[in-house]
Amino acid sequence: MDEDMNASEKIEELVKENRTWEILEILRECETLEEAKEKVKAFLKK
């Protein structure tokens, strides 16, 4: 049971890290703050 929880926690951590990297990539691609806000909002609504 503990191994399952540890695996689940690790997966959750990796998912959060991946989302962070994806958001950073969106921010790098944007030229304005408004564009960045719109794209990040759209990404988070997925």
PDB file of N, CA and C in Angstrom:
ATOM      1  N   MET A   1       0.828  -1.201   0.000  1.00  0.00           N
ATOM      2  CA  MET A   1       0.000   0.000   0.000  1.00  0.00           C
ATOM      3  C   MET A   1       0.868   1.259   0.000  1.00  0.00           C
ATOM      4  N   ASP A   2       1.896   1.275   0.827  1.00  0.00           N
ATOM      5  CA  ASP A   2       2.771   2.453   0.875  1.00  0.00           C
ATOM      6  C   ASP A   2       3.476   2.675  -0.456  1.00  0.00           C
ATOM      7  N   GLU A   3       3.856   1.581  -1.119  1.00  0.00           N
ATOM      8  CA  GLU A   3       4.513   1.706  -2.415  1.00  0.00           C
ATOM      9  C   GLU A   3       3.573   2.316  -3.436  1.00  0.00           C
ATOM     10  N   ASP A   4       2.290   1.946  -3.387  1.00  0.00           N
ATOM     11  CA  ASP A   4       1.304   2.517  -4.298  1.00  0.00           C
ATOM     12  C   ASP A   4       1.143   4.008  -4.053  1.00  0.00           C
ATOM     13  N   MET A   5       1.100   4.403  -2.798  1.00  0.00           N
ATOM     14  CA  MET A   5       0.963   5.826  -2.476  1.00  0.00           C
ATOM     15  C   MET A   5       2.207   6.581  -2.931  1.00  0.00           C
ATOM     16  N   ASN A   6       3.362   6.014  -2.717  1.00  0.00           N
ATOM     17  CA  ASN A   6       4.585   6.667  -3.143  1.00  0.00           C
ATOM     18  C   ASN A   6       4.621   6.814  -4.658  1.00  0.00           C
ATOM     19  N   ALA A   7       4.176   5.782  -5.375  1.00  0.00           N
ATOM     20  CA  ALA A   7       4.130   5.846  -6.834  1.00  0.00           C
ATOM     21  C   ALA A   7       3.133   6.907  -7.274  1.00  0.00           C
ATOM     22  N   SER A   8       1.987   6.958  -6.629  1.00  0.00           N
ATOM     23  CA  SER A   8       0.970   7.955  -6.965  1.00  0.00           C
ATOM     24  C   SER A   8       1.480   9.365  -6.693  1.00  0.00           C
ATOM     25  N   GLU A   9       2.145   9.533  -5.580  1.00  0.00           N
ATOM     26  CA  GLU A   9       2.688  10.846  -5.242  1.00  0.00           C
ATOM     27  C   GLU A   9       3.761  11.260  -6.235  1.00  0.00           C
ATOM     28  N   LYS A  10       4.580  10.318  -6.641  1.00  0.00           N
ATOM     29  CA  LYS A  10       5.642  10.606  -7.618  1.00  0.00           C
ATOM     30  C   LYS A  10       5.031  10.992  -8.965  1.00  0.00           C
ATOM     31  N   ILE A  11       4.008  10.263  -9.382  1.00  0.00           N
ATOM     32  CA  ILE A  11       3.330  10.582 -10.642  1.00  0.00           C
ATOM     33  C   ILE A  11       2.717  11.980 -10.574  1.00  0.00           C
ATOM     34  N   GLU A  12       2.075  12.290  -9.464  1.00  0.00           N
ATOM     35  CA  GLU A  12       1.477  13.617  -9.289  1.00  0.00           C
ATOM     36  C   GLU A  12       2.548  14.703  -9.368  1.00  0.00           C
ATOM     37  N   GLU A  13       3.669  14.474  -8.742  1.00  0.00           N
ATOM     38  CA  GLU A  13       4.780  15.431  -8.767  1.00  0.00           C
ATOM     39  C   GLU A  13       5.296  15.627 -10.197  1.00  0.00           C
ATOM     40  N   LEU A  14       5.433  14.535 -10.937  1.00  0.00           N
ATOM     41  CA  LEU A  14       5.908  14.618 -12.317  1.00  0.00           C
ATOM     42  C   LEU A  14       4.916  15.359 -13.215  1.00  0.00           C
ATOM     43  N   VAL A  15       3.628  15.145 -12.989  1.00  0.00           N
ATOM     44  CA  VAL A  15       2.601  15.845 -13.769  1.00  0.00           C
ATOM     45  C   VAL A  15       2.673  17.352 -13.505  1.00  0.00           C
ATOM     46  N   LYS A  16       2.812  17.729 -12.256  1.00  0.00           N
ATOM     47  CA  LYS A  16       2.916  19.154 -11.919  1.00  0.00           C
ATOM     48  C   LYS A  16       4.162  19.773 -12.541  1.00  0.00           C
ATOM     49  N   GLU A  17       5.267  19.054 -12.486  1.00  0.00           N
ATOM     50  CA  GLU A  17       6.511  19.546 -13.067  1.00  0.00           C
ATOM     51  C   GLU A  17       6.371  19.716 -14.575  1.00  0.00           C
ATOM     52  N   ASN A  18       5.738  18.754 -15.222  1.00  0.00           N
ATOM     53  CA  ASN A  18       5.524  18.819 -16.661  1.00  0.00           C
ATOM     54  C   ASN A  18       4.666  20.018 -17.036  1.00  0.00           C
ATOM     55  N   ARG A  19       3.609  20.257 -16.271  1.00  0.00           N
ATOM     56  CA  ARG A  19       2.745  21.420 -16.542  1.00  0.00           C
ATOM     57  C   ARG A  19       3.532  22.720 -16.388  1.00  0.00           C
ATOM     58  N   THR A  20       4.389  22.764 -15.399  1.00  0.00           N
ATOM     59  CA  THR A  20       5.215  23.950 -15.188  1.00  0.00           C
ATOM     60  C   THR A  20       6.104  24.208 -16.396  1.00  0.00           C
ATOM     61  N   TRP A  21       6.737  23.155 -16.906  1.00  0.00           N
ATOM     62  CA  TRP A  21       7.594  23.304 -18.085  1.00  0.00           C
ATOM     63  C   TRP A  21       6.790  23.737 -19.301  1.00  0.00           C
ATOM     64  N   GLU A  22       5.582  23.190 -19.444  1.00  0.00           N
ATOM     65  CA  GLU A  22       4.737  23.573 -20.574  1.00  0.00           C
ATOM     66  C   GLU A  22       4.349  25.048 -20.490  1.00  0.00           C
ATOM     67  N   ILE A  23       4.038  25.523 -19.291  1.00  0.00           N
ATOM     68  CA  ILE A  23       3.696  26.939 -19.105  1.00  0.00           C
ATOM     69  C   ILE A  23       4.902  27.816 -19.406  1.00  0.00           C
ATOM     70  N   LEU A  24       6.067  27.415 -18.959  1.00  0.00           N
ATOM     71  CA  LEU A  24       7.273  28.187 -19.257  1.00  0.00           C
ATOM     72  C   LEU A  24       7.520  28.281 -20.762  1.00  0.00           C
ATOM     73  N   GLU A  25       7.269  27.211 -21.468  1.00  0.00           N
ATOM     74  CA  GLU A  25       7.434  27.219 -22.922  1.00  0.00           C
ATOM     75  C   GLU A  25       6.426  28.168 -23.574  1.00  0.00           C
ATOM     76  N   ILE A  26       5.203  28.172 -23.096  1.00  0.00           N
ATOM     77  CA  ILE A  26       4.196  29.109 -23.598  1.00  0.00           C
ATOM     78  C   ILE A  26       4.682  30.538 -23.382  1.00  0.00           C
ATOM     79  N   LEU A  27       5.203  30.826 -22.202  1.00  0.00           N
ATOM     80  CA  LEU A  27       5.668  32.181 -21.889  1.00  0.00           C
ATOM     81  C   LEU A  27       6.825  32.599 -22.788  1.00  0.00           C
ATOM     82  N   ARG A  28       7.718  31.674 -23.091  1.00  0.00           N
ATOM     83  CA  ARG A  28       8.849  31.984 -23.977  1.00  0.00           C
ATOM     84  C   ARG A  28       8.380  32.365 -25.370  1.00  0.00           C
ATOM     85  N   GLU A  29       7.293  31.748 -25.821  1.00  0.00           N
ATOM     86  CA  GLU A  29       6.794  31.976 -27.176  1.00  0.00           C
ATOM     87  C   GLU A  29       6.024  33.291 -27.313  1.00  0.00           C
ATOM     88  N   CYS A  30       5.554  33.835 -26.223  1.00  0.00           N
ATOM     89  CA  CYS A  30       4.700  35.028 -26.275  1.00  0.00           C
ATOM     90  C   CYS A  30       5.518  36.308 -26.349  1.00  0.00           C
ATOM     91  N   GLU A  31       4.954  37.264 -27.082  1.00  0.00           N
ATOM     92  CA  GLU A  31       5.627  38.548 -27.224  1.00  0.00           C
ATOM     93  C   GLU A  31       5.111  39.594 -26.244  1.00  0.00           C
ATOM     94  N   THR A  32       3.880  39.416 -25.765  1.00  0.00           N
ATOM     95  CA  THR A  32       3.315  40.384 -24.820  1.00  0.00           C
ATOM     96  C   THR A  32       2.768  39.666 -23.594  1.00  0.00           C
ATOM     97  N   LEU A  33       2.597  40.423 -22.546  1.00  0.00           N
ATOM     98  CA  LEU A  33       2.034  39.870 -21.314  1.00  0.00           C
ATOM     99  C   LEU A  33       0.591  39.428 -21.543  1.00  0.00           C
ATOM    100  N   GLU A  34      -0.160  40.207 -22.290  1.00  0.00           N
ATOM    101  CA  GLU A  34      -1.561  39.849 -22.560  1.00  0.00           C
ATOM    102  C   GLU A  34      -1.653  38.533 -23.325  1.00  0.00           C
ATOM    103  N   GLU A  35      -0.809  38.374 -24.325  1.00  0.00           N
ATOM    104  CA  GLU A  35      -0.786  37.130 -25.086  1.00  0.00           C
ATOM    105  C   GLU A  35      -0.457  35.958 -24.159  1.00  0.00           C
ATOM    106  N   ALA A  36       0.509  36.154 -23.294  1.00  0.00           N
ATOM    107  CA  ALA A  36       0.903  35.102 -22.351  1.00  0.00           C
ATOM    108  C   ALA A  36      -0.246  34.741 -21.425  1.00  0.00           C
ATOM    109  N   LYS A  37      -0.925  35.750 -20.900  1.00  0.00           N
ATOM    110  CA  LYS A  37      -2.056  35.494 -20.002  1.00  0.00           C
ATOM    111  C   LYS A  37      -3.130  34.672 -20.699  1.00  0.00           C
ATOM    112  N   GLU A  38      -3.474  35.051 -21.924  1.00  0.00           N
ATOM    113  CA  GLU A  38      -4.513  34.349 -22.665  1.00  0.00           C
ATOM    114  C   GLU A  38      -4.117  32.897 -22.929  1.00  0.00           C
ATOM    115  N   LYS A  39      -2.884  32.689 -23.355  1.00  0.00           N
ATOM    116  CA  LYS A  39      -2.444  31.334 -23.686  1.00  0.00           C
ATOM    117  C   LYS A  39      -2.348  30.448 -22.446  1.00  0.00           C
ATOM    118  N   VAL A  40      -1.877  31.001 -21.338  1.00  0.00           N
ATOM    119  CA  VAL A  40      -1.785  30.208 -20.105  1.00  0.00           C
ATOM    120  C   VAL A  40      -3.182  29.872 -19.595  1.00  0.00           C
ATOM    121  N   LYS A  41      -4.113  30.834 -19.641  1.00  0.00           N
ATOM    122  CA  LYS A  41      -5.490  30.559 -19.230  1.00  0.00           C
ATOM    123  C   LYS A  41      -6.079  29.442 -20.071  1.00  0.00           C
ATOM    124  N   ALA A  42      -5.881  29.503 -21.384  1.00  0.00           N
ATOM    125  CA  ALA A  42      -6.410  28.464 -22.276  1.00  0.00           C
ATOM    126  C   ALA A  42      -5.778  27.113 -21.954  1.00  0.00           C
ATOM    127  N   PHE A  43      -4.502  27.108 -21.692  1.00  0.00           N
ATOM    128  CA  PHE A  43      -3.802  25.868 -21.349  1.00  0.00           C
ATOM    129  C   PHE A  43      -4.359  25.261 -20.070  1.00  0.00           C
ATOM    130  N   LEU A  44      -4.593  26.089 -19.074  1.00  0.00           N
ATOM    131  CA  LEU A  44      -5.066  25.589 -17.784  1.00  0.00           C
ATOM    132  C   LEU A  44      -6.516  25.109 -17.840  1.00  0.00           C
ATOM    133  N   LYS A  45      -7.286  25.586 -18.825  1.00  0.00           N
ATOM    134  CA  LYS A  45      -8.680  25.151 -18.954  1.00  0.00           C
ATOM    135  C   LYS A  45      -8.805  23.784 -19.609  1.00  0.00           C
ATOM    136  N   LYS A  46      -7.729  23.292 -20.237  1.00  0.00           N
ATOM    137  CA  LYS A  46      -7.770  21.981 -20.904  1.00  0.00           C
ATOM    138  C   LYS A  46      -8.080  20.879 -19.936  1.00  0.00           C
TER     139      LYS A  46
END
